N, C-alpha and C. Protein backbone atom coordinates (compact mmCIF):
# COMPACT_ATOMS: atom_id res chain seq x y z
N UNK A 1 47.36 109.92 124.28
CA UNK A 1 46.64 109.81 123.03
C UNK A 1 47.12 109.26 122.01
N UNK A 2 48.92 109.02 122.21
CA UNK A 2 49.24 108.47 121.31
C UNK A 2 49.26 106.83 121.01
N UNK A 3 49.06 106.41 122.17
CA UNK A 3 48.48 104.75 121.92
C UNK A 3 47.50 104.51 121.08
N UNK A 4 46.12 105.40 121.41
CA UNK A 4 45.09 105.47 120.79
C UNK A 4 45.26 105.75 119.26
N UNK A 5 45.95 106.58 119.16
CA UNK A 5 46.53 107.00 117.69
C UNK A 5 46.80 106.01 116.84
N UNK A 6 47.84 105.29 117.19
CA UNK A 6 48.56 104.01 116.97
C UNK A 6 47.88 102.79 116.72
N UNK A 7 46.76 102.82 117.33
CA UNK A 7 45.95 101.53 117.30
C UNK A 7 44.79 101.62 116.14
N UNK A 8 45.19 100.91 115.12
CA UNK A 8 44.43 100.74 113.98
C UNK A 8 44.18 102.08 113.49
N UNK A 9 45.10 102.98 112.67
CA UNK A 9 44.92 104.33 112.25
C UNK A 9 43.52 104.15 111.08
N UNK A 10 43.59 103.22 110.68
CA UNK A 10 42.50 102.87 109.61
C UNK A 10 41.29 103.33 109.70
N UNK A 11 40.92 103.06 110.97
CA UNK A 11 39.78 103.14 111.57
C UNK A 11 39.34 104.38 111.81
N UNK A 12 40.35 105.37 112.19
CA UNK A 12 40.21 106.72 112.45
C UNK A 12 38.77 107.33 111.63
N UNK A 13 38.91 107.50 110.46
CA UNK A 13 37.72 107.65 110.00
C UNK A 13 36.21 107.51 109.65
N UNK A 14 36.51 105.96 109.84
CA UNK A 14 34.85 105.76 110.16
C UNK A 14 34.36 105.77 111.18
N UNK A 15 35.05 105.89 112.59
CA UNK A 15 34.77 105.72 113.77
C UNK A 15 34.65 107.38 113.76
N UNK A 16 35.12 108.61 112.98
CA UNK A 16 35.18 109.45 113.25
C UNK A 16 33.38 110.20 112.45
N UNK A 17 33.14 109.38 111.51
CA UNK A 17 31.94 109.52 111.11
C UNK A 17 30.82 108.95 111.48
N UNK A 18 31.44 108.01 112.01
CA UNK A 18 30.13 107.39 113.05
C UNK A 18 29.99 108.37 114.12
N UNK A 19 30.84 109.10 114.68
CA UNK A 19 30.53 110.07 115.85
C UNK A 19 29.91 111.06 115.26
N UNK A 20 29.83 111.99 113.90
CA UNK A 20 29.14 112.65 113.52
C UNK A 20 27.66 112.03 113.17
N UNK A 21 27.62 111.07 112.66
CA UNK A 21 26.10 110.72 112.63
C UNK A 21 25.31 110.65 113.84
N UNK A 22 26.00 110.26 115.22
CA UNK A 22 25.33 110.07 116.29
C UNK A 22 25.30 111.64 116.67
N UNK A 23 26.12 112.63 116.63
CA UNK A 23 25.91 113.65 116.86
C UNK A 23 24.81 114.34 116.34
N UNK A 24 24.57 114.24 114.56
CA UNK A 24 23.42 114.61 114.11
C UNK A 24 22.36 114.09 114.45
N UNK A 25 22.20 112.83 114.86
CA UNK A 25 20.90 112.15 115.37
C UNK A 25 20.81 113.08 116.78
N UNK A 26 21.39 113.23 117.87
CA UNK A 26 21.24 113.60 118.68
C UNK A 26 20.53 114.99 118.62
N UNK A 27 21.05 115.92 118.01
CA UNK A 27 20.67 117.31 117.51
C UNK A 27 19.26 117.16 116.64
N UNK A 28 19.07 116.25 115.87
CA UNK A 28 17.61 116.08 115.28
C UNK A 28 16.25 115.58 116.47
N UNK A 29 17.00 114.65 117.30
CA UNK A 29 16.05 114.38 118.02
C UNK A 29 15.30 115.49 119.04
N UNK A 30 16.80 116.21 119.54
CA UNK A 30 16.37 117.42 120.40
C UNK A 30 15.46 118.21 119.84
N UNK A 31 15.46 118.57 118.68
CA UNK A 31 14.42 119.26 117.65
C UNK A 31 13.11 118.89 117.35
N UNK A 32 13.08 117.35 117.64
CA UNK A 32 11.83 116.82 117.31
C UNK A 32 11.29 115.98 118.31
N UNK A 33 11.73 115.92 119.59
CA UNK A 33 10.87 115.31 120.51
C UNK A 33 10.18 116.03 121.02
N UNK A 34 8.94 115.59 122.12
CA UNK A 34 8.17 116.46 122.50
C UNK A 34 8.86 117.38 123.58
N UNK A 35 7.86 118.47 123.95
CA UNK A 35 8.60 119.50 124.71
C UNK A 35 8.91 118.85 126.57
N UNK A 36 7.92 118.08 126.72
CA UNK A 36 7.85 117.54 128.20
C UNK A 36 9.32 116.37 128.24
N UNK A 37 9.88 116.00 127.30
CA UNK A 37 10.86 115.13 127.03
C UNK A 37 12.06 115.43 127.17
N UNK A 38 12.44 116.85 126.77
CA UNK A 38 13.27 117.66 126.46
C UNK A 38 14.47 117.44 127.71
N UNK A 39 13.64 117.92 128.59
CA UNK A 39 14.50 118.19 130.21
C UNK A 39 15.03 116.81 130.13
N UNK A 40 14.37 115.70 130.46
CA UNK A 40 15.02 114.25 130.52
C UNK A 40 16.31 113.77 129.42
N UNK A 41 16.04 114.38 128.27
CA UNK A 41 16.85 113.69 127.03
C UNK A 41 17.99 114.66 127.50
N UNK A 42 17.90 116.27 127.73
CA UNK A 42 19.27 116.89 127.98
C UNK A 42 20.03 116.26 129.05
N UNK A 43 19.59 115.67 130.04
CA UNK A 43 19.96 115.16 131.57
C UNK A 43 20.95 114.16 130.99
N UNK A 44 20.06 113.22 130.35
CA UNK A 44 20.75 111.95 129.48
C UNK A 44 22.03 112.20 128.74
N UNK A 45 21.80 113.13 127.73
CA UNK A 45 23.29 113.76 127.08
C UNK A 45 23.95 114.30 128.09
N UNK A 46 23.88 114.91 128.92
CA UNK A 46 25.15 115.48 129.74
C UNK A 46 25.42 114.13 130.59
N UNK A 47 24.74 113.17 131.14
CA UNK A 47 25.62 112.60 132.04
C UNK A 47 26.37 111.49 131.09
N UNK A 48 26.05 111.39 129.54
CA UNK A 48 26.59 110.41 128.84
C UNK A 48 27.93 110.93 128.55
N UNK A 49 28.04 112.57 128.27
CA UNK A 49 29.04 112.77 127.90
C UNK A 49 29.92 113.05 129.24
N UNK A 50 29.46 113.38 130.13
CA UNK A 50 30.62 113.37 131.42
C UNK A 50 31.04 111.78 131.64
N UNK A 51 30.59 110.62 131.41
CA UNK A 51 30.82 109.53 131.40
C UNK A 51 31.94 109.49 130.59
N UNK A 52 31.83 110.01 129.17
CA UNK A 52 32.79 109.45 127.98
C UNK A 52 33.62 110.81 128.30
N UNK A 53 33.74 111.45 128.79
CA UNK A 53 35.05 112.70 128.94
C UNK A 53 35.80 111.75 130.28
N UNK A 54 35.09 111.45 131.35
CA UNK A 54 35.58 110.68 132.73
C UNK A 54 36.35 109.48 131.90
N UNK A 55 35.75 108.64 131.22
CA UNK A 55 36.91 107.40 130.96
C UNK A 55 37.67 108.04 129.82
N UNK A 56 37.89 108.90 129.04
CA UNK A 56 38.94 109.38 128.21
C UNK A 56 40.04 110.11 128.77
N UNK A 57 39.55 110.25 129.96
CA UNK A 57 40.71 111.14 131.19
C UNK A 57 41.00 110.12 131.53
N UNK A 58 40.82 109.14 132.25
CA UNK A 58 41.23 107.95 133.17
C UNK A 58 42.33 107.11 132.39
N UNK A 59 41.62 106.64 130.85
CA UNK A 59 42.46 106.23 129.60
C UNK A 59 44.01 107.03 129.61
N UNK A 60 43.74 108.17 129.38
CA UNK A 60 44.96 108.91 128.99
C UNK A 60 45.66 108.94 130.33
N UNK A 61 45.20 109.10 131.63
CA UNK A 61 46.09 108.87 132.75
C UNK A 61 46.81 107.48 133.28
N UNK A 62 46.09 106.78 132.91
CA UNK A 62 46.63 105.03 132.76
C UNK A 62 47.61 104.43 131.72
N UNK A 63 47.47 105.47 130.68
CA UNK A 63 48.34 105.30 129.41
C UNK A 63 49.35 106.40 129.25
N UNK A 64 49.52 107.05 130.21
CA UNK A 64 50.55 108.37 130.27
C UNK A 64 52.11 108.12 129.71
N UNK A 65 52.20 108.40 128.80
CA UNK A 65 53.75 108.34 128.03
C UNK A 65 54.81 108.67 128.60
N UNK A 66 55.97 108.41 128.38
CA UNK A 66 56.84 109.18 129.06
C UNK A 66 57.77 109.81 127.63
N UNK A 67 58.90 110.79 128.04
CA UNK A 67 59.41 111.76 126.80
C UNK A 67 59.77 110.85 125.71
N UNK A 68 59.94 109.67 125.69
CA UNK A 68 60.46 109.35 124.83
C UNK A 68 59.43 108.15 123.71
N UNK A 69 57.72 108.43 124.43
CA UNK A 69 56.69 108.10 123.71
C UNK A 69 56.48 106.54 124.38
N UNK A 70 57.04 106.12 125.16
CA UNK A 70 56.80 104.80 125.57
C UNK A 70 55.75 104.87 127.07
N UNK A 71 54.79 103.89 126.90
CA UNK A 71 53.79 103.83 128.29
C UNK A 71 54.88 103.87 129.42
N UNK A 72 54.48 104.39 130.65
CA UNK A 72 55.22 104.67 131.87
C UNK A 72 54.84 103.07 132.42
N UNK A 73 54.50 102.55 132.09
CA UNK A 73 54.22 100.98 132.77
C UNK A 73 55.56 100.01 132.01
N UNK A 74 56.22 100.59 131.09
CA UNK A 74 56.90 99.82 129.97
C UNK A 74 58.52 100.07 130.72
N UNK A 75 58.56 100.93 131.77
CA UNK A 75 59.94 101.70 131.98
C UNK A 75 60.68 100.64 132.86
């Protein structure tokens, strides 16, 4: 994840705040939606979370760094 941290560090705070806003919106929607929709909404959130986690894992594997901090592809 060093590659991600080094890429435009000025964007970290805005992206973090945007993530918090999306999480707050998801929580508000979970409370306010009709009870018949809750199962579908929770399933959609679970699928999206799994996709995001899988993407981060694959990105980390692809950009794995060696001990000097350079990606293995630059060896």
